[in-house]
Amino acid sequence: QLQLVESGGGLVQPGGSLKLSCAVSGFSLDYYCIGWFRQAPGKEREGVSSISSSGSVTKYADSVKGRFTIARDMSQNTVYLQMNSLEPEDTAVYYCAAAHITVVTDSTCGTNPSTFRSWGQGTQVTVSS
């Protein structure tokens, strides 16, 4: 059974850092594009970052470029989102999601929520002083 579990959220001051984890089970990262998304209260879910099944293609939303880094550990079957220089505008529930390689390729692995069929339960990130 395909499962994604996020962790690592919390309360951090502006300018601080957090590292989110997305632990996957029931499938291999070799066959899935993984995306990170976030949803703030009253706003639509937006794509933050993605990493392709090969691991060679990563993408970022303009709002987080230079501050967030996506990476994966194949031995741990985990995808990470390192978030630095956090801003109050980054406050949201963060989700990871998976899209199979029959749906997306390395080049099309991105942050369009409609292409992802499997989702985690989310982890809250709050940036506040």
Protein backbone atom coordinates (compact mmCIF):
# COMPACT_ATOMS: atom_id res chain seq x y z
CA GLN A 1 0.00 0.00 0.00
CA LEU A 2 1.42 3.33 -1.09
CA GLN A 3 1.91 5.70 1.86
CA LEU A 4 3.57 9.08 2.41
CA VAL A 5 4.18 10.53 5.88
CA GLU A 6 5.41 14.08 6.43
CA SER A 7 7.23 15.26 9.52
CA GLY A 8 9.48 18.07 10.69
CA GLY A 9 7.06 20.94 10.82
CA GLY A 10 6.84 23.37 13.70
CA LEU A 11 7.09 26.95 14.87
CA VAL A 12 10.13 28.94 13.78
CA GLN A 13 11.10 32.60 13.85
CA PRO A 14 11.50 34.60 10.65
CA GLY A 15 14.91 33.92 9.16
CA GLY A 16 15.05 30.47 10.70
CA SER A 17 15.24 27.04 9.14
CA LEU A 18 13.29 23.78 9.14
CA LYS A 19 13.84 20.47 7.41
CA LEU A 20 10.75 18.56 6.37
CA SER A 21 10.79 14.83 5.71
CA CYS A 22 8.51 12.74 3.52
CA ALA A 23 8.90 9.07 4.34
CA VAL A 24 7.42 6.81 1.68
CA SER A 25 6.45 3.16 1.89
CA GLY A 26 4.87 0.65 -0.42
CA PHE A 27 6.75 1.92 -3.47
CA SER A 28 10.20 2.81 -4.73
CA LEU A 29 11.29 6.37 -5.38
CA ASP A 30 12.81 5.05 -8.63
CA TYR A 31 9.32 5.05 -10.13
CA TYR A 32 7.80 8.21 -8.72
CA CYS A 33 8.07 11.94 -9.06
CA ILE A 34 7.72 13.50 -5.59
CA GLY A 35 6.36 16.96 -5.04
CA TRP A 36 6.07 19.27 -2.06
CA PHE A 37 3.02 21.49 -1.80
CA ARG A 38 1.64 23.91 0.75
CA GLN A 39 -1.71 25.37 1.61
CA ALA A 40 -2.25 28.42 3.76
CA PRO A 41 -5.64 29.22 5.34
CA GLY A 42 -8.03 30.61 2.77
CA LYS A 43 -5.64 29.98 -0.11
CA GLU A 44 -5.35 27.36 -2.81
CA ARG A 45 -2.80 24.59 -2.60
CA GLU A 46 0.39 25.62 -4.37
CA GLY A 47 3.38 23.70 -5.60
CA VAL A 48 6.67 24.35 -3.83
CA SER A 49 9.21 21.92 -5.25
CA SER A 50 9.58 18.58 -7.01
CA ILE A 51 12.18 15.91 -7.70
CA SER A 52 11.98 13.49 -10.58
CA SER A 53 12.10 9.71 -10.37
CA SER A 54 15.70 9.74 -11.60
CA GLY A 55 16.60 12.37 -9.05
CA SER A 56 18.24 14.43 -11.76
CA VAL A 57 15.55 17.06 -12.22
CA THR A 58 14.44 19.40 -9.44
CA LYS A 59 12.09 22.34 -9.72
CA TYR A 60 11.13 25.18 -7.40
CA ALA A 61 8.44 27.79 -7.20
CA ASP A 62 9.81 31.28 -7.75
CA SER A 63 8.80 32.23 -4.22
CA VAL A 64 11.18 29.69 -2.66
CA LYS A 65 14.09 29.58 -5.13
CA GLY A 66 17.40 30.08 -3.37
CA ARG A 67 15.85 29.38 0.03
CA PHE A 68 14.46 25.82 -0.23
CA THR A 69 16.28 22.68 -1.36
CA ILE A 70 14.72 19.33 -2.21
CA ALA A 71 16.72 16.13 -1.89
CA ARG A 72 16.17 12.44 -1.39
CA ASP A 73 17.83 9.55 0.42
CA MET A 74 17.15 6.33 -1.48
CA SER A 75 18.42 4.16 1.37
CA GLN A 76 15.86 5.74 3.70
CA ASN A 77 13.13 6.02 1.05
CA THR A 78 12.72 9.61 2.16
CA VAL A 79 12.47 12.95 0.40
CA TYR A 80 13.51 16.09 2.26
CA LEU A 81 12.71 19.76 1.94
CA GLN A 82 15.33 21.99 3.55
CA MET A 83 13.80 25.40 4.17
CA ASN A 84 16.07 28.32 5.02
CA SER A 85 15.47 32.05 5.49
CA LEU A 86 11.86 31.35 6.34
CA GLU A 87 9.34 34.16 6.06
CA PRO A 88 5.89 34.59 7.62
CA GLU A 89 4.48 34.06 4.12
CA ASP A 90 5.81 30.49 4.22
CA THR A 91 3.32 29.62 6.96
CA ALA A 92 1.13 26.78 5.70
CA VAL A 93 0.42 23.09 5.93
CA TYR A 94 3.04 21.32 3.83
CA TYR A 95 2.21 18.14 1.94
CA CYS A 96 4.25 15.71 -0.10
CA ALA A 97 2.73 13.77 -2.96
CA ALA A 98 3.70 11.11 -5.49
CA ALA A 99 3.11 10.78 -9.23
CA HIS A 100 4.02 7.57 -11.09
CA ILE A 101 6.37 7.64 -14.06
CA THR A 102 3.54 6.49 -16.31
CA VAL A 103 1.92 9.85 -15.57
CA VAL A 104 4.94 12.16 -15.49
CA THR A 105 8.44 11.98 -16.96
CA ASP A 106 11.60 13.59 -15.68
CA SER A 107 10.87 16.69 -17.71
CA THR A 108 7.20 16.95 -16.76
CA CYS A 109 7.68 16.17 -13.06
CA GLY A 110 6.64 19.45 -11.57
CA THR A 111 4.29 21.07 -9.13
CA ASN A 112 0.89 20.82 -10.76
CA PRO A 113 -1.26 19.27 -8.00
CA SER A 114 -3.60 17.61 -10.50
CA THR A 115 -0.88 15.20 -11.67
CA PHE A 116 -0.35 13.75 -8.20
CA ARG A 117 -2.61 10.93 -7.03
CA SER A 118 -1.12 9.97 -3.66
CA TRP A 119 -0.81 12.45 -0.81
CA GLY A 120 0.45 12.57 2.75
CA GLN A 121 -1.50 14.00 5.66
CA GLY A 122 0.52 17.21 5.92
CA THR A 123 2.69 18.93 8.51
CA GLN A 124 2.16 22.46 9.85
CA VAL A 125 4.85 25.08 9.41
CA THR A 126 4.39 28.37 11.25
CA VAL A 127 6.83 31.24 10.82
CA SER A 128 6.25 33.88 13.45
CA SER A 129 8.09 35.98 15.99
